Amino acid sequence: MNKVYKHKKFAIDEYLGWVDQDGKVYERTEKLDHYVGHVDERDGKVYEARSGPDQYIGRVDPDNGKVYLTKFGPDQYLGRVRKDGKLYHHKRLARDDYLGKVKEMTSLTHGGAAFLLLVMPAVAEAELEETKPEESKTDPQPPNIRR
């Protein structure tokens, strides 16, 4: 059933959602799973459906698992999906980062859809959380006034 997990260092991987046999991607939520997009299995094009009509956001090569993000000009190479379901984010002049996995992966296109629609948004959100300054939990002390 293409279950998608985000890698967490020194912890149990986080379950993000799943991709059905038809290529529809569902994000896990507290109450119900939420449809976030789909992949066309024939050509590997990935469409996002988070807000409004489906929007083409990227593609996955059905033959080698390379994942590309659509942008103005040439598409940006993001990473790859291996046949064993492991997902890797491309790093220039460095070793690719392991992001997570797709258990019981049906095809490379299903893995690419999971990469673009579930794993990359979760990674971006985690990076944003890490860069936020910590809020002080104590009340600010008034300045020391000398008389």
Protein backbone atom coordinates (compact mmCIF):
# COMPACT_ATOMS: atom_id res chain seq x y z
CA MET A 1 0.00 0.00 0.00
CA ASN A 2 2.93 2.50 -0.35
CA LYS A 3 3.23 3.69 3.26
CA VAL A 4 5.44 6.79 3.51
CA TYR A 5 7.85 7.51 6.39
CA LYS A 6 10.14 10.47 7.12
CA HIS A 7 13.52 9.58 8.62
CA LYS A 8 14.21 10.84 12.13
CA LYS A 9 17.72 10.55 13.54
CA PHE A 10 17.93 8.41 16.66
CA ALA A 11 14.15 7.90 16.73
CA ILE A 12 11.37 5.93 15.10
CA ASP A 13 10.59 7.18 11.59
CA GLU A 14 7.51 9.40 11.36
CA TYR A 15 4.52 8.06 9.39
CA LEU A 16 3.39 10.77 6.94
CA GLY A 17 0.71 9.10 4.81
CA TRP A 18 0.24 6.75 1.89
CA VAL A 19 -0.14 6.44 -1.87
CA ASP A 20 -2.90 4.23 -3.26
CA GLN A 21 -2.57 1.92 -6.27
CA ASP A 22 -4.02 4.61 -8.60
CA GLY A 23 -1.33 7.13 -7.59
CA LYS A 24 -3.48 9.27 -5.28
CA VAL A 25 -1.51 10.63 -2.31
CA TYR A 26 -3.03 10.99 1.17
CA GLU A 27 -1.52 12.86 4.11
CA ARG A 28 -2.10 11.49 7.60
CA THR A 29 -3.99 13.84 9.90
CA GLU A 30 -5.35 13.41 13.41
CA LYS A 31 -8.90 12.64 12.32
CA LEU A 32 -9.03 11.64 8.63
CA ASP A 33 -6.46 11.18 5.92
CA HIS A 34 -6.41 14.16 3.57
CA TYR A 35 -6.00 13.95 -0.23
CA VAL A 36 -3.03 16.13 -1.31
CA GLY A 37 -2.42 15.17 -4.94
CA HIS A 38 -1.69 12.44 -7.45
CA VAL A 39 0.83 11.12 -9.95
CA ASP A 40 0.23 10.09 -13.55
CA GLU A 41 1.88 6.67 -13.67
CA ARG A 42 2.48 6.79 -17.43
CA ASP A 43 4.66 9.90 -17.57
CA GLY A 44 5.53 10.49 -13.90
CA LYS A 45 3.97 13.97 -13.65
CA VAL A 46 3.01 14.90 -10.08
CA TYR A 47 0.05 17.19 -9.33
CA GLU A 48 -0.68 18.92 -6.02
CA ALA A 49 -4.26 19.46 -4.84
CA ARG A 50 -3.78 21.28 -1.53
CA SER A 51 -5.52 24.50 -2.55
CA GLY A 52 -7.76 24.88 -5.56
CA PRO A 53 -7.48 22.84 -8.75
CA ASP A 54 -4.66 20.35 -9.22
CA GLN A 55 -1.38 22.06 -10.06
CA TYR A 56 1.59 20.44 -11.81
CA ILE A 57 4.56 20.67 -9.38
CA GLY A 58 7.12 18.19 -10.65
CA ARG A 59 7.89 14.85 -12.16
CA VAL A 60 9.62 11.57 -11.50
CA ASP A 61 11.39 9.58 -14.20
CA PRO A 62 9.59 6.20 -14.27
CA ASP A 63 12.76 4.43 -15.43
CA ASN A 64 15.40 5.64 -12.96
CA GLY A 65 13.50 7.35 -10.09
CA LYS A 66 15.02 10.82 -10.47
CA VAL A 67 12.72 13.49 -9.04
CA TYR A 68 12.46 17.02 -10.46
CA LEU A 69 10.68 20.13 -9.20
CA THR A 70 9.06 22.31 -11.86
CA LYS A 71 10.19 25.91 -11.98
CA PHE A 72 10.61 28.65 -14.54
CA GLY A 73 13.37 27.47 -16.87
CA PRO A 74 14.87 23.99 -16.56
CA ASP A 75 13.40 21.72 -13.87
CA GLN A 76 15.36 21.48 -10.62
CA TYR A 77 16.76 18.04 -9.73
CA LEU A 78 15.74 17.29 -6.14
CA GLY A 79 16.82 13.72 -5.59
CA ARG A 80 15.92 10.15 -6.31
CA VAL A 81 13.82 7.19 -5.34
CA ARG A 82 15.50 3.81 -5.24
CA LYS A 83 13.77 0.56 -6.15
CA ASP A 84 13.92 -0.53 -2.50
CA GLY A 85 11.77 2.52 -1.56
CA LYS A 86 14.49 4.70 -0.01
CA LEU A 87 14.32 8.43 -0.74
CA TYR A 88 17.40 10.63 -1.12
CA HIS A 89 17.66 14.43 -1.38
CA HIS A 90 20.42 15.63 -3.71
CA LYS A 91 23.19 17.72 -2.19
CA ARG A 92 25.61 19.44 -4.52
CA LEU A 93 29.23 18.35 -4.04
CA ALA A 94 28.24 16.24 -1.04
CA ARG A 95 26.66 12.93 -0.20
CA ASP A 96 22.88 12.82 -0.78
CA ASP A 97 20.75 13.01 2.39
CA TYR A 98 18.55 10.05 3.30
CA LEU A 99 15.04 11.47 3.83
CA GLY A 100 12.85 8.45 4.39
CA LYS A 101 11.26 5.45 2.78
CA VAL A 102 8.17 4.09 1.10
CA LYS A 103 7.23 0.64 2.38
CA GLU A 104 5.60 -1.78 -0.06
CA MET A 105 6.32 0.63 -2.94
CA THR A 106 4.41 -0.25 -6.10
CA SER A 107 6.55 1.73 -8.56
CA LEU A 108 9.12 4.51 -8.79
CA THR A 109 6.35 6.93 -9.79
CA HIS A 110 4.49 6.19 -6.54
CA GLY A 111 7.71 6.85 -4.62
CA GLY A 112 8.30 10.11 -6.51
CA ALA A 113 4.81 11.32 -5.65
CA ALA A 114 5.46 10.54 -1.98
CA PHE A 115 8.80 12.39 -2.22
CA LEU A 116 7.27 15.59 -3.64
CA LEU A 117 3.91 15.67 -1.86
CA LEU A 118 4.66 14.25 1.59
CA VAL A 119 8.35 14.03 2.44
CA MET A 120 9.70 17.32 1.04
CA PRO A 121 6.97 19.46 2.71
CA ALA A 122 7.62 17.65 6.03
CA VAL A 123 11.39 18.21 5.71
CA ALA A 124 10.86 21.89 4.86
CA GLU A 125 8.55 22.30 7.87
CA ALA A 126 11.10 20.63 10.18
CA GLU A 127 13.88 22.91 8.88
CA LEU A 128 11.66 25.94 9.49
CA GLU A 129 11.01 24.79 13.07
CA GLU A 130 14.76 24.41 13.69
CA THR A 131 15.51 27.95 12.51
CA LYS A 132 12.84 29.63 14.66
CA PRO A 133 14.27 31.37 17.71
CA GLU A 134 13.15 29.85 20.98
CA GLU A 135 10.48 31.87 22.75
CA SER A 136 11.37 32.78 26.30
CA LYS A 137 9.01 30.99 28.67
CA THR A 138 9.74 33.30 31.61
CA ASP A 139 8.38 36.77 32.02
CA PRO A 140 10.85 39.47 31.09
CA GLN A 141 12.47 41.08 34.10
CA PRO A 142 12.08 44.83 34.44
CA PRO A 143 15.32 46.73 34.05
CA ASN A 144 17.28 47.28 37.25
CA ILE A 145 16.70 50.93 38.14
CA ARG A 146 19.09 52.53 40.63
CA ARG A 147 18.04 55.49 42.71
